[in-house]
Amino acid sequence: VSLAVAAIPEGLAAVVTILLSIGVTKMAKRNAVIRKLTAVETLGCTQVICSDKTGTLTQNRMTLVKVFDGCETLPITGGAPDSALALIRLATLCTDGTVQVIDGAEKHLGDPTETAIVAAALKNGMPKDQLTAEHPRLGEIPFDSDRKLMTTINLIHGQQVVIVKGAPDILLERCVSGDLKAAAAANEAMARDALRVLALGYKTIDEMPMDCRPEELEQGLTFGGLLGMIDPPRPEVTASIKECDTAGIRTVMITGDHVVTASAIAKELGILHDESEAITGAELAKLSDDELYERIRQYRVYARVTPSDKIRIVKAWQRAGEIVAMTGDGVNDAPALKAADIGCAMGITGTDVAKGAADMTLTDDNFATIVTAVKEGRGIYDNIRKAVHFLLSCNLGEIVTVFLAMLIWRESPLLPIQLLWINLVTDSLPALALGMEPVEYDIMTRKPRKKTESIFSGGLGLTAILQGLMIGLLTLAAYFIGSRVFIPAGGAPNIPLGESMAFAVLALSQLVHAFSVRSSHSLFRIGFHTNKYMLGAFAVSSALMLTVLLIPPLQTIFGIAPLTGAAWGVVAGLSVVPLAVMEIVKGIQALVRWSKSRKAE
């Protein structure tokens, strides 16, 4: 019965579940809401992060700064000339976003690209409400991510005017008049300056169509101009991308922006190093799935992509054996979020459909939060490994103690109730405290682990066995000293004293051993006091053990014999051996690592 109790880690399942729950709570406080517990483990394996640009890598604070009026590019930050104002007026009529001024502060409602136009109009004395009242909307074709255009029909000076705004490369193809070569050159120049560019076209129709169809209304346009907006990168993202590179995680930008604009931002953030690493949606469409799979590692920026392109990119990376995290916010992004190993929905701009399909929601829409979540995921998995390592090494110590004692003396050195007490009380609290261990300082310098990698990889299984053997032998030594040494000459073995000393050494050595399991680095390096939960668990478990060992009614229940001063001295000496041995081993390992690094240099 004692051997059966020793072999079963009663607290393991509960400890692992509790640690995952604690990890999810910690992530929620860092703006990453996890919907599935299993996603925590997958986060630690992430090898590729496919991120949207706008709002995730950038601040999503669009500001209209330049306008190409058909002849020249004009800055509008210090006040717009008349030709630019005419363009801004038309563009504002073709928007659904609004800007409200509340207590002197602007509140933008809607797509940031549209609200940037509306805000520019407002600053130049053209409130949108006034413009729409003067030039009412008669019809519209909403923006579509496949068309990349939005169209309205407004009554302007008694004429029905079709206003179309959208991606320059798409809209310029629909224009039949205007200086299109100059427009293309201006578009390239603005994009190189990391501006997001929208083009505007218009035409007059004689009568309202019965059905507003894009193939009719969005053709034969007169080119009106270009609007260049800046969306500055988030200041914290550059450092996060560097951290990803160090951690062996590849960052990929996926955006609907022009390839030149996307490349400029990607270079500024440190994602893109060469122009050949950028590809457009049109070029992507020409590649078969097999060709994309073969070339997937060549690209860091995907521009002008559609939602269906995102699924192809995710599946190509997965086919290459990578664990992929994917961000998205729209309804059309839901399939890609579902296909990714970790789907990350935007909490601010994301739709309910996207959030429902995702494994994680970023409440601040920030790329840095993904990196923080990956770091926490690695830390949580690390802590679970530590807890499993601790519990299994302790249980192996118990098995070794009972099994060898039965073979050598045909005696059980531990009673079943004593083993249950150790497994449920003195083991579980330190195991939970290991789950609260701070993320190790070097965790983001390690390469991502493979999803199929065993929890016992990296020699953890062998280490647990050796440590369990050490704890078992120390417990047997205590049993031998108590039952065979601390007796009068020629006296019979003192089994109760041996059991009591074995019980004390087994429990206390495991509590000391928990400090060794905290890190592969020396305790002197990470600090004894960096995990207050471990100190609390050690204090509470030690106090519970001492009550059993010292209070007479509990001594009777647990079969404890009173310990002499000499017995306590032996118990104390044997209990600290695991910590001393592991510190020596860690010191040797550190010297070996240092020696290898010196040779590499």
Foldseek 3Di string as FASTA:
>chain_A
DLLVLLQDLVCLVVLLVVLLVVLQVVLVVLQKHFPDSVVLQLLLQAAEEEEACQLAQFVQQKAFAWKFQQPDIDGDPPHDDPSVLVVLLLLLLQDDKAWDQDPNDIDTDDRNVNSNSQVSNVVRPHHSVNSCVQWPWDDWDDADLVQQKIWTWTQDPNFTKIKMKGALVNLLVQEDETDSVVQVVVVLVLLLVLWFKMWMWMDTDDDDDPDDDCVPRSHHTYTGIMITIHGGGDPCQLVLCVLCVLLNHQYAYEYQTDQSSQQNRCVVSVNDDDSQQEDEQVRVVVDDLVRCLVCLVSHRYYYNHDLVVLLSSQVSVVVVVGQYEYEDAELSNLVSQLNHNAYEYEQPRHDPSSVVSGRMYRPSSYNSSSSVSSLSSSQQLLLSLLLVLLSLLLSLLSSLQQVVCCVPPVDGLFDNVLSVCLSPQLSSQLSSLSSVQPRDPCSSSHYRDRPPDDSCPPVSVVVSNVSSNLLNVLLNVQLCCQQPVPDPVPDHGPSQRSSQLSSLLSRLLSLLLSCLSSDLAACVVVDPPNRVSSVVSSVVSVVVSVCCAPPVVSCVVRSHDHDDPVSVVSSVVSSNVNSVVSNVVSVVVVVVVVVVVVVVD
